[in-house]
Every structure is written in C-alpha cells, then in structure tokens.
Protein backbone atom coordinates (compact mmCIF):
# COMPACT_ATOMS: atom_id res chain seq x y z
CA MET A 1 97.50 126.55 -78.52
CA ARG A 2 97.38 127.05 -74.79
CA ARG A 3 98.80 130.23 -73.38
CA ALA A 4 100.21 131.14 -69.97
CA PHE A 5 99.72 134.30 -67.99
CA ALA A 6 99.63 135.34 -64.34
CA VAL A 7 96.33 135.61 -62.52
CA SER A 8 95.98 137.38 -59.20
CA ALA A 9 93.48 136.63 -56.46
CA CYS A 10 92.62 138.68 -53.46
CA LEU A 11 91.24 138.10 -50.02
CA VAL A 12 87.74 139.47 -49.74
CA VAL A 13 86.89 140.88 -46.32
CA THR A 14 83.26 140.52 -45.26
CA GLU A 15 81.34 143.42 -43.83
CA CYS A 16 79.73 142.33 -40.59
CA SER A 17 76.97 143.99 -38.65
CA VAL A 18 77.30 145.46 -35.17
CA GLU A 19 75.94 142.80 -32.85
CA THR A 20 74.43 142.59 -29.40
CA VAL A 21 75.62 139.50 -27.52
CA SER A 22 73.39 138.26 -24.72
CA PRO A 23 75.58 136.25 -22.31
CA THR A 24 72.72 134.55 -20.46
CA PRO A 25 69.52 133.05 -21.83
CA SER A 26 66.12 134.37 -20.78
CA SER A 27 62.52 133.26 -21.24
CA THR A 28 62.48 135.17 -24.53
CA ALA A 29 65.70 133.62 -25.77
CA PRO A 30 65.61 131.60 -29.01
CA ARG A 31 65.28 127.84 -29.00
CA VAL A 32 67.59 125.87 -31.25
CA ASP A 33 67.92 122.40 -32.75
CA LEU A 34 71.51 121.41 -33.59
CA ALA A 35 72.77 118.72 -35.93
CA ARG A 36 76.48 118.58 -35.13
CA ALA A 37 77.35 115.68 -37.44
CA GLN A 38 75.17 116.53 -40.41
CA LEU A 39 76.33 115.23 -43.79
CA GLY A 40 75.08 118.36 -45.53
CA VAL A 41 71.97 119.57 -47.29
CA PRO A 42 71.08 119.45 -51.00
CA ASP A 43 73.02 122.14 -52.82
CA ARG A 44 70.10 123.42 -54.96
CA THR A 45 72.32 124.97 -57.67
CA ASP A 46 74.24 127.21 -55.21
CA ASP A 47 77.64 125.75 -56.23
CA PRO A 48 77.49 125.04 -59.98
CA ALA A 49 81.29 125.22 -60.34
CA VAL A 50 81.61 122.02 -58.27
CA VAL A 51 81.14 119.14 -60.71
CA ALA A 52 80.99 115.36 -60.48
CA LEU A 53 83.82 113.22 -61.89
CA GLU A 54 83.32 109.69 -63.18
CA ILE A 55 86.07 107.27 -64.17
CA ASP A 56 84.85 104.57 -66.55
CA GLY A 57 81.30 105.10 -65.34
CA GLN A 58 82.11 105.02 -61.62
CA GLY A 59 81.26 108.27 -59.85
CA ALA A 60 83.32 108.76 -56.71
CA CYS A 61 84.81 112.26 -56.80
CA ALA A 62 84.19 115.96 -57.22
CA GLY A 63 86.14 118.69 -58.96
CA THR A 64 86.08 122.49 -59.16
CA LEU A 65 86.14 124.57 -62.32
CA LEU A 66 89.05 127.02 -62.21
CA ALA A 67 88.57 127.89 -65.91
CA PRO A 68 86.06 126.76 -68.54
CA ASP A 69 88.36 123.86 -69.42
CA VAL A 70 90.43 123.41 -66.24
CA ILE A 71 89.32 121.43 -63.17
CA LEU A 72 91.00 121.16 -59.77
CA THR A 73 90.55 117.90 -57.86
CA ALA A 74 92.37 115.46 -55.59
CA ALA A 75 95.25 113.51 -57.12
CA ARG A 76 93.59 110.25 -56.08
CA CYS A 77 90.60 111.17 -58.27
CA VAL A 78 92.41 111.25 -61.62
CA PRO A 79 92.27 108.19 -63.89
CA GLN A 80 95.06 105.79 -64.72
CA ALA A 81 96.23 105.53 -68.30
CA GLY A 82 93.59 104.12 -70.62
CA LYS A 83 90.64 105.11 -68.46
CA THR A 84 88.12 107.82 -69.27
CA LEU A 85 87.28 110.70 -66.95
CA ARG A 86 83.81 112.18 -67.54
CA VAL A 87 82.70 115.54 -66.16
CA LEU A 88 79.03 115.81 -65.16
CA VAL A 89 77.25 119.06 -64.31
CA GLY A 90 74.18 119.11 -62.05
CA ASP A 91 72.98 118.83 -58.47
CA SER A 92 72.37 115.08 -58.61
CA SER A 93 72.75 112.03 -60.81
CA ALA A 94 69.09 112.45 -61.77
CA ASP A 95 69.71 115.74 -63.58
CA ALA A 96 73.46 115.60 -64.26
CA GLN A 97 74.66 115.94 -67.85
CA GLN A 98 78.04 114.99 -69.24
CA ARG A 99 79.68 118.17 -70.47
CA ALA A 100 83.30 117.19 -71.09
CA GLN A 101 86.02 114.56 -70.74
CA GLY A 102 89.52 114.84 -69.37
CA SER A 103 92.21 115.26 -72.00
CA GLN A 104 95.32 115.88 -69.88
CA VAL A 105 96.20 115.49 -66.19
CA LEU A 106 98.93 117.30 -64.25
CA LEU A 107 99.86 116.61 -60.63
CA VAL A 108 100.22 119.86 -58.70
CA PRO A 109 103.65 120.67 -57.22
CA PRO A 110 105.23 120.68 -54.75
CA ALA A 111 105.35 116.91 -54.56
CA GLY A 112 102.88 115.35 -52.20
CA THR A 113 100.25 118.09 -52.26
CA GLY A 114 97.58 115.55 -53.16
CA LEU A 115 96.20 117.91 -55.82
CA ALA A 116 95.75 117.54 -59.56
CA VAL A 117 94.45 119.66 -62.43
CA VAL A 118 92.56 118.18 -65.35
CA PHE A 119 92.39 119.89 -68.75
CA LEU A 120 89.13 119.18 -70.58
CA ASP A 121 88.50 118.35 -74.20
CA THR A 122 85.88 121.11 -74.45
CA THR A 123 84.88 124.17 -72.46
CA ILE A 124 82.09 124.49 -69.92
CA ASP A 125 81.51 128.18 -70.46
CA ASP A 126 78.06 128.68 -68.93
CA ILE A 127 79.36 128.31 -65.35
CA ALA A 128 81.57 130.95 -63.75
CA PRO A 129 84.85 129.38 -62.54
CA LEU A 130 86.15 129.91 -59.01
CA ALA A 131 89.37 131.63 -58.01
CA VAL A 132 91.96 130.31 -55.54
CA ARG A 133 92.33 132.54 -52.49
CA ALA A 134 95.78 134.03 -52.04
CA SER A 135 95.96 133.35 -48.31
CA GLY A 136 95.44 130.12 -46.45
CA VAL A 137 93.30 129.28 -43.42
CA ALA A 138 94.07 129.29 -39.71
CA THR A 139 92.83 127.21 -36.81
CA GLY A 140 89.44 128.53 -35.73
CA ASP A 141 88.48 129.86 -39.16
CA HIS A 142 85.20 128.76 -40.76
CA VAL A 143 84.76 127.32 -44.23
CA ARG A 144 82.05 125.96 -46.51
CA SER A 145 82.39 122.47 -47.99
CA VAL A 146 80.82 120.99 -51.12
CA GLY A 147 80.96 117.36 -52.23
CA PHE A 148 79.02 114.41 -53.61
CA LEU A 149 77.38 111.59 -51.66
CA HIS A 150 75.36 108.85 -53.39
CA GLY A 151 75.06 110.99 -56.51
CA ARG A 152 73.88 114.15 -54.71
CA ARG A 153 75.82 117.39 -54.34
CA LEU A 154 75.75 118.40 -50.68
CA VAL A 155 76.85 121.60 -48.97
CA ARG A 156 77.83 122.31 -45.36
CA ASP A 157 78.29 125.84 -44.02
CA HIS A 158 80.34 127.41 -41.24
CA LEU A 159 82.57 124.42 -40.50
CA THR A 160 85.33 125.04 -37.98
CA VAL A 161 88.97 124.50 -38.99
CA LEU A 162 90.37 122.27 -36.22
CA GLY A 163 94.00 122.59 -37.20
CA ALA A 164 96.04 124.09 -40.01
CA GLU A 165 99.64 123.73 -41.14
CA ARG A 166 101.43 124.48 -44.36
CA GLY A 167 99.95 122.28 -47.04
CA GLN A 168 96.82 121.02 -45.30
CA PHE A 169 94.08 121.69 -42.76
CA GLU A 170 91.45 119.64 -40.94
CA VAL A 171 87.69 120.21 -40.67
CA ALA A 172 85.47 118.45 -38.13
CA GLU A 173 82.28 116.43 -38.64
CA ALA A 174 80.98 114.14 -41.39
CA VAL A 175 84.37 112.44 -41.55
CA CYS A 176 85.02 111.09 -45.05
CA ALA A 177 81.30 110.82 -45.79
CA VAL A 178 81.50 112.41 -49.24
CA GLY A 179 83.91 111.47 -51.99
CA ALA A 180 87.29 113.16 -52.36
CA GLY A 181 88.01 116.11 -54.62
CA GLY A 182 85.39 118.57 -53.35
CA PRO A 183 86.48 122.06 -52.27
CA ALA A 184 86.50 124.00 -49.04
CA LEU A 185 85.42 127.54 -49.90
CA ASP A 186 85.74 130.98 -48.36
CA GLU A 187 82.25 131.58 -46.93
CA ALA A 188 82.11 135.20 -48.09
CA SER A 189 83.83 135.21 -51.49
CA GLY A 190 83.42 131.64 -52.73
CA GLU A 191 87.18 131.38 -53.36
CA VAL A 192 88.83 127.96 -53.11
CA LEU A 193 90.83 127.26 -49.94
CA GLY A 194 91.48 123.55 -50.23
CA VAL A 195 90.47 120.18 -51.68
CA LEU A 196 89.22 117.16 -49.71
CA THR A 197 91.82 114.41 -49.99
CA ASN A 198 90.66 111.70 -47.56
CA GLY A 199 86.98 111.42 -48.51
CA GLY A 200 85.15 108.34 -49.77
CA GLU A 201 85.84 104.65 -49.62
CA ASN A 202 89.60 104.96 -49.11
CA CYS A 203 89.25 106.96 -45.92
CA ALA A 204 91.45 105.68 -43.10
CA ALA A 205 89.55 103.99 -40.30
CA SER A 206 91.49 106.07 -37.79
CA ALA A 207 90.51 109.41 -39.35
CA ASP A 208 88.88 111.84 -36.92
CA ALA A 209 88.56 114.83 -39.27
CA ASP A 210 88.12 115.65 -42.93
CA VAL A 211 91.54 116.53 -44.36
CA TYR A 212 91.93 119.19 -47.06
CA ALA A 213 95.02 119.93 -49.14
CA SER A 214 95.62 123.70 -48.99
CA THR A 215 95.59 125.46 -52.35
CA ASP A 216 97.43 128.67 -51.40
CA VAL A 217 100.83 126.93 -51.41
CA SER A 218 100.31 125.93 -55.06
CA ARG A 219 98.63 129.11 -56.20
CA SER A 220 101.33 130.13 -58.69
CA PHE A 221 101.14 126.78 -60.46
CA LEU A 222 97.34 126.86 -60.46
CA ALA A 223 97.39 130.37 -61.92
CA GLN A 224 99.61 129.11 -64.76
CA ALA A 225 97.24 126.20 -65.35
CA VAL A 226 94.29 128.57 -65.53
CA GLY A 227 96.23 130.80 -67.89
CA ALA A 228 96.97 127.83 -70.12
CA GLY A 229 93.26 127.09 -70.44
CA LEU A 230 90.75 128.68 -72.76
CA GLN A 231 89.27 131.73 -71.06
CA ALA A 232 85.95 132.27 -72.80
CA VAL A 233 83.10 132.47 -70.29
CA ALA A 234 79.52 133.18 -71.29
CA LYS A 235 78.24 136.63 -70.33
CA HIS A 236 75.47 135.23 -68.14
CA ALA A 237 77.36 132.26 -66.72
CA GLN A 238 75.84 130.72 -63.60
CA LYS A 239 77.73 131.80 -60.49
CA THR A 240 78.46 130.21 -57.14
CA LYS A 241 76.48 131.79 -54.31
CA LYS A 242 78.46 134.04 -51.98
CA GLY A 243 77.77 134.33 -48.28
CA PRO A 244 75.68 131.95 -46.14
CA VAL A 245 73.81 129.39 -48.20
CA ASP A 246 70.47 129.17 -46.43
CA MET A 247 70.39 131.51 -43.42
CA GLY A 248 66.81 132.66 -42.95
CA SER A 249 65.29 129.76 -44.87
CA GLY A 250 62.54 127.75 -43.19
CA CYS A 251 63.46 124.60 -41.25
CA VAL A 252 62.16 122.09 -38.72
CA LEU A 253 65.41 120.41 -37.59
CA GLY A 254 69.07 121.35 -37.55
CA SER A 255 69.70 118.70 -40.20
CA ASP A 256 67.58 120.78 -42.62
CA CYS A 257 70.26 123.51 -42.59
CA ALA A 258 73.72 123.77 -44.13
CA ALA A 259 75.27 124.88 -40.83
CA GLY A 260 73.25 122.36 -38.80
CA VAL A 261 71.39 125.04 -36.83
CA CYS A 262 67.61 125.59 -36.84
CA VAL A 263 66.44 128.52 -34.67
CA ASP A 264 62.95 129.09 -33.26
CA TYR A 265 62.65 132.75 -32.29
CA ALA A 266 60.04 135.55 -32.40
CA ALA A 267 57.38 133.30 -33.92
CA SER A 268 59.70 132.26 -36.78
CA GLN A 269 61.74 129.13 -37.42
CA TYR A 270 64.70 129.37 -39.77
CA CYS A 271 68.23 128.17 -40.57
CA SER A 272 71.07 129.95 -38.81
CA ARG A 273 74.53 129.25 -37.39
CA THR A 274 76.47 129.47 -34.13
CA CYS A 275 78.39 132.60 -33.12
CA ASP A 276 80.44 134.21 -30.35
CA ALA A 277 82.39 137.38 -29.68
CA HIS A 278 85.05 136.35 -32.20
CA ASP A 279 82.71 134.73 -34.73
CA ARG A 280 80.36 137.49 -35.75
CA CYS A 281 76.99 137.13 -37.44
CA PRO A 282 76.34 138.37 -40.98
CA THR A 283 74.55 141.64 -41.62
CA ARG A 284 70.92 141.74 -40.40
CA PHE A 285 71.61 139.10 -37.71
CA LYS A 286 72.68 139.42 -34.06
CA CYS A 287 74.25 136.90 -31.68
CA MET A 288 72.09 135.67 -28.78
CA ALA A 289 72.20 132.95 -26.14
CA THR A 290 69.61 130.19 -26.58
CA GLN A 291 67.39 128.49 -24.07
CA SER A 292 69.30 125.46 -22.83
CA GLN A 293 66.99 122.48 -22.71
CA ILE A 294 69.49 120.26 -20.89
CA GLN A 295 70.20 120.95 -17.23
CA GLY A 296 73.79 121.94 -16.57
CA VAL A 297 74.65 122.50 -20.23
CA ARG A 298 75.78 125.98 -21.19
CA ALA A 299 73.47 127.77 -23.60
CA VAL A 300 74.58 127.88 -27.24
CA MET A 301 75.08 131.24 -28.97
CA VAL A 302 73.29 131.55 -32.32
CA CYS A 303 72.58 134.23 -34.92
CA VAL A 304 69.00 135.54 -34.92
CA GLU A 305 67.37 138.00 -37.29
CA ASN A 306 67.25 141.61 -36.11
C-alpha cells in the first residue's frame, strides 16, 4: 500500500571563489571558441536519474526519477489509455535497458501546469532520485538541461533564463531540439527546477525559446507523490553529478563542451563557460576577458583555471 508523507527540499547555495575580472583583453588573454546554439554534448552517465520514455515502442520523451518508482515528466508525454509506457535507463538507445513500465498516471495540479507523474510497476533502486527545489528561478539565472535527441541523452550547462513567471520559464538556444519531458536542473545541487514542455515534434513553429513548466508551484503535490512511492534506494545508488559537467575537460571546439565554450589559455585547451561580475566562476577558476578575433566586437568574459 502506498503511503503519504511530507518531504522538504532546500536551496543549496554554491560557494564561489574570489575572482579577478580583467575588463580589457591583452596579448596574454585567453582565446575562445563559442558554440551559442549547441544542441548539447553526450551525457556520459552524469545524469542517470533522467530516463527515456517510450510509448508503444516510440521514444520521444524524457522523465526524471523523483523516487525509485515515481517519474516526473511533461503531461504531453504520458500515454493514452491502452498504450504502454516503457522506462529505459542508459545514455543512449545502444545501451539503454528497460527497467520498468508505467502503472498509473496523475496530472499535476494546478490545472494547466503541463506536468505529470508516472508511478512505475517496479522500482529502479540503483539510481539516486532527484529532489524538487523549493524556490523557483528568476530571469538571468543559469540552469542545466538534460534531454534526449535521436536516442542519445544530451546535456547543456549554464543556460540563461530569458524570462520567468509563475508556472513557467524560458531558456534560450537549441529551441525544441530534444524531446519534451527533460528537466532543467540547479547547476550546483542537481535539484529539479522545471520540465521541458514544448520540445520535440510538436514544437510550435513560432517558438523562440525552450519553455519549461516550473516545478516549485507544484512542490507540495510532488512531495505527496514521492511519499506515496516506495522509498527503498540501494546504498550505492548512482548519483547525478553536481556542479559543472565538464569544466576543465579537453576540447577543440565550443561544440565539444556542455556550456558551448572552449578556452585556449596558458598552453591548455579546455571546456569552460562565460562569466561576468554578477555571474561568478566556480572555485579554482577566475573570470577574464578573451582576445576578440572580430574587429569591433567586445571581448567575451570566460572562466579560466587559476
């Protein structure tokens, strides 16, 4: 029998390093390759709690484990009566394994949120579920997105929130490229902030941003859904990576990196991200102006290793 209890979530505040910001580029400034409209990079097991959903063999959506037998997804991703929803775990269709099927679907109130929870017929207890963050996002915040495209789980880091209102927010770039249902995550804690609702083949032709349904407004209901699920999680369950996905990893082009930024500095070339006085770099990185390779274009600020 399912049981209900309250679950609390907290906002995790990241510790940032003290940075030196160089306002003008010099001959020793870093060079950078940017990929502003990147679709994402292969996830490489960093987000195991984001799973693929198939309806009658057609894979078009993603979902997020909130409990071993509870998945959060977009309402448009749940099956109609008589159809089977399969849950596949893995980075791509080549290695994905079916681990469960949907047994019950509930649309998330208030009406029109665009969210749904799916109870599973068995637990997936070797993956640590994600929590829903108590607070929402604001314009100018940065988030991490995870979704599926052509059977591959892709991740994008440090995406700017273009606009936010109660119930939804918009994120720029890669408009509707991946299927619906994937989460936007807090970069530092891995907590869920929203669910992509306009992704995939049903995306409106007029869309100019990826639209996410905010989860904070439905947090009480989602906590009850999690409480109604079975709570057993394996001791060594695989966890979602916290913090930047690939900062410091080798790269050649911006498209090799989750944040779309490849820096060439101090005889090293590695993935990074943009920064400014209000968007600080993680620990062990500082914010510097790059060499502008286009006349008249202002130099970009990027994080470089100390």
